[in-house]
C-alpha atoms as a PDB file:
ATOM      1  CA  MET A   1     -28.417  30.228  94.481  1.00  0.00           C
ATOM      2  CA  SER A   2     -25.834  32.568  95.577  1.00  0.00           C
ATOM      3  CA  ARG A   3     -23.635  35.334  93.110  1.00  0.00           C
ATOM      4  CA  ASN A   4     -20.700  33.496  94.494  1.00  0.00           C
ATOM      5  CA  ASN A   5     -21.607  30.044  94.134  1.00  0.00           C
ATOM      6  CA  GLY A   6     -22.478  31.125  90.531  1.00  0.00           C
ATOM      7  CA  GLY A   7     -18.861  32.168  90.443  1.00  0.00           C
ATOM      8  CA  ASN A   8     -17.826  29.183  91.794  1.00  0.00           C
ATOM      9  CA  MET A   9     -19.604  27.519  89.767  1.00  0.00           C
ATOM     10  CA  CYS A  10     -18.015  29.300  86.286  1.00  0.00           C
ATOM     11  CA  THR A  11     -14.498  28.742  87.590  1.00  0.00           C
ATOM     12  CA  LEU A  12     -15.694  25.240  88.218  1.00  0.00           C
ATOM     13  CA  ALA A  13     -16.435  24.808  84.807  1.00  0.00           C
ATOM     14  CA  LEU A  14     -13.741  26.836  82.985  1.00  0.00           C
ATOM     15  CA  SER A  15     -11.454  24.678  84.854  1.00  0.00           C
ATOM     16  CA  SER A  16     -12.626  21.498  83.767  1.00  0.00           C
ATOM     17  CA  LEU A  17     -13.149  22.399  80.400  1.00  0.00           C
ATOM     18  CA  LEU A  18      -8.760  23.612  80.800  1.00  0.00           C
ATOM     19  CA  LEU A  19      -7.976  20.880  82.036  1.00  0.00           C
ATOM     20  CA  ILE A  20     -10.009  18.440  78.869  1.00  0.00           C
ATOM     21  CA  ALA A  21      -7.915  20.660  76.670  1.00  0.00           C
ATOM     22  CA  GLY A  22      -4.493  20.405  78.542  1.00  0.00           C
ATOM     23  CA  LEU A  23      -5.202  16.772  77.932  1.00  0.00           C
ATOM     24  CA  THR A  24      -6.400  16.947  74.473  1.00  0.00           C
ATOM     25  CA  SER A  25      -3.281  18.582  73.054  1.00  0.00           C
ATOM     26  CA  VAL A  26      -0.705  16.559  74.912  1.00  0.00           C
ATOM     27  CA  ARG A  27       2.187  17.489  72.307  1.00  0.00           C
ATOM     28  CA  ALA A  28       3.054  20.164  70.197  1.00  0.00           C
ATOM     29  CA  ALA A  29       2.890  18.755  66.009  1.00  0.00           C
ATOM     30  CA  SER A  30       6.098  18.353  64.979  1.00  0.00           C
ATOM     31  CA  GLU A  31       7.159  18.791  61.113  1.00  0.00           C
ATOM     32  CA  ALA A  32       7.245  15.537  60.688  1.00  0.00           C
ATOM     33  CA  ASP A  33       3.531  15.627  61.337  1.00  0.00           C
ATOM     34  CA  TYR A  34       3.248  18.468  59.004  1.00  0.00           C
ATOM     35  CA  LYS A  35       4.774  16.133  55.758  1.00  0.00           C
ATOM     36  CA  THR A  36       2.668  12.753  56.668  1.00  0.00           C
ATOM     37  CA  ALA A  37      -0.344  15.188  57.324  1.00  0.00           C
ATOM     38  CA  TYR A  38       0.615  17.390  54.112  1.00  0.00           C
ATOM     39  CA  ALA A  39       1.368  13.857  52.193  1.00  0.00           C
ATOM     40  CA  ALA A  40      -2.306  12.394  52.735  1.00  0.00           C
ATOM     41  CA  ALA A  41      -3.691  15.508  51.692  1.00  0.00           C
ATOM     42  CA  ASP A  42      -2.059  16.235  48.458  1.00  0.00           C
ATOM     43  CA  ALA A  43      -2.287  12.172  48.081  1.00  0.00           C
ATOM     44  CA  ALA A  44      -6.232  12.724  48.244  1.00  0.00           C
ATOM     45  CA  GLU A  45      -6.456  16.063  46.516  1.00  0.00           C
ATOM     46  CA  LYS A  46      -4.102  14.037  43.489  1.00  0.00           C
ATOM     47  CA  GLU A  47      -7.175  10.867  43.413  1.00  0.00           C
ATOM     48  CA  ALA A  48      -9.899  13.815  43.595  1.00  0.00           C
ATOM     49  CA  GLY A  49      -8.297  15.689  40.939  1.00  0.00           C
ATOM     50  CA  GLN A  50      -8.196  11.662  38.471  1.00  0.00           C
ATOM     51  CA  LEU A  51     -11.984  12.149  38.934  1.00  0.00           C
ATOM     52  CA  ARG A  52     -12.137  15.765  37.932  1.00  0.00           C
ATOM     53  CA  ASN A  53     -13.319  16.979  41.024  1.00  0.00           C
ATOM     54  CA  GLN A  54     -11.080  18.643  43.195  1.00  0.00           C
ATOM     55  CA  TRP A  55     -12.483  21.728  45.284  1.00  0.00           C
ATOM     56  CA  THR A  56     -10.949  25.621  44.823  1.00  0.00           C
ATOM     57  CA  THR A  57     -11.198  25.325  49.353  1.00  0.00           C
ATOM     58  CA  THR A  58      -9.024  22.103  49.395  1.00  0.00           C
ATOM     59  CA  GLU A  59      -6.263  24.184  47.686  1.00  0.00           C
ATOM     60  CA  SER A  60      -7.249  27.164  49.400  1.00  0.00           C
ATOM     61  CA  THR A  61      -6.427  24.520  52.957  1.00  0.00           C
ATOM     62  CA  LEU A  62      -3.292  23.213  51.241  1.00  0.00           C
ATOM     63  CA  ALA A  63      -1.575  26.595  51.076  1.00  0.00           C
ATOM     64  CA  ALA A  64      -2.816  27.622  53.926  1.00  0.00           C
ATOM     65  CA  ALA A  65      -1.177  24.378  55.894  1.00  0.00           C
ATOM     66  CA  LYS A  66       2.184  24.913  53.441  1.00  0.00           C
ATOM     67  CA  LYS A  67       2.388  28.933  54.582  1.00  0.00           C
ATOM     68  CA  ALA A  68       1.699  28.262  57.654  1.00  0.00           C
ATOM     69  CA  ALA A  69       4.803  25.494  58.145  1.00  0.00           C
ATOM     70  CA  ASP A  70       7.146  27.069  56.536  1.00  0.00           C
ATOM     71  CA  ALA A  71       6.942  29.752  59.339  1.00  0.00           C
ATOM     72  CA  GLY A  72       7.144  27.073  61.800  1.00  0.00           C
ATOM     73  CA  ASN A  73       3.663  27.040  63.339  1.00  0.00           C
ATOM     74  CA  PHE A  74       2.801  23.024  62.588  1.00  0.00           C
ATOM     75  CA  ASP A  75       0.571  22.820  64.660  1.00  0.00           C
ATOM     76  CA  GLN A  76      -1.224  24.969  62.308  1.00  0.00           C
ATOM     77  CA  ALA A  77      -0.126  23.304  59.305  1.00  0.00           C
ATOM     78  CA  VAL A  78      -1.625  19.438  60.266  1.00  0.00           C
ATOM     79  CA  ALA A  79      -4.901  21.184  61.560  1.00  0.00           C
ATOM     80  CA  LEU A  80      -4.829  22.983  58.353  1.00  0.00           C
ATOM     81  CA  SER A  81      -3.867  19.424  56.284  1.00  0.00           C
ATOM     82  CA  LYS A  82      -6.208  17.361  57.739  1.00  0.00           C
ATOM     83  CA  GLU A  83      -9.148  19.536  56.968  1.00  0.00           C
ATOM     84  CA  ALA A  84      -7.745  19.490  53.304  1.00  0.00           C
ATOM     85  CA  GLU A  85      -7.500  15.761  53.541  1.00  0.00           C
ATOM     86  CA  ALA A  86     -11.088  15.993  54.353  1.00  0.00           C
ATOM     87  CA  LEU A  87     -12.476  18.538  51.764  1.00  0.00           C
ATOM     88  CA  ALA A  88     -10.598  16.176  48.947  1.00  0.00           C
ATOM     89  CA  ARG A  89     -13.073  12.605  50.421  1.00  0.00           C
ATOM     90  CA  ALA A  90     -14.886  14.481  50.132  1.00  0.00           C
ATOM     91  CA  SER A  91     -14.991  15.873  46.898  1.00  0.00           C
ATOM     92  CA  ILE A  92     -13.894  11.897  45.667  1.00  0.00           C
ATOM     93  CA  PHE A  93     -16.816  11.297  47.266  1.00  0.00           C
ATOM     94  CA  GLN A  94     -18.934  13.785  45.652  1.00  0.00           C
ATOM     95  CA  ALA A  95     -17.293  12.244  41.897  1.00  0.00           C
ATOM     96  CA  ASN A  96     -18.274   9.221  43.401  1.00  0.00           C
ATOM     97  CA  SER A  97     -21.781   9.750  43.835  1.00  0.00           C
ATOM     98  CA  GLU A  98     -23.026  11.712  41.106  1.00  0.00           C
ATOM     99  CA  LYS A  99     -20.877   9.242  38.971  1.00  0.00           C
ATOM    100  CA  ASP A 100     -24.660   7.976  38.069  1.00  0.00           C
ATOM    101  CA  ALA A 101     -26.772  10.117  39.689  1.00  0.00           C
ATOM    102  CA  TRP A 102     -27.872  11.923  36.079  1.00  0.00           C
ATOM    103  CA  LYS A 103     -29.791   8.742  35.047  1.00  0.00           C
ATOM    104  CA  ALA A 104     -32.637   9.340  37.762  1.00  0.00           C
ATOM    105  CA  LEU A 105     -32.999  13.118  36.585  1.00  0.00           C
ATOM    106  CA  GLU A 106     -33.424  11.712  32.788  1.00  0.00           C
ATOM    107  CA  ILE A 107     -37.179  11.553  32.039  1.00  0.00           C
ATOM    108  CA  HIS A 108     -38.245   8.320  30.259  1.00  0.00           C
END
């Protein structure tokens, strides 16, 4: 393979990646998108709190989402809110799965 052909392949690959990225981010997130995503994350975090299993990473991610929204960066705020919701849901899963797991560790 010649050098020029390799360069063309890299250009083609880069162009394809940019096209895909452009297709996946059709529009910028709005404040309403942020509020919806944040509300879902906050509700999940409250549910984790009821199970007494809130993670500090969830709290810091929610704070970062609010900070991004306050700065007007709604794309980042939505992404962080979704990450916080995923963390909260993972903590809920952990709390529920470990609720009775201690019984398996008890010596009979």
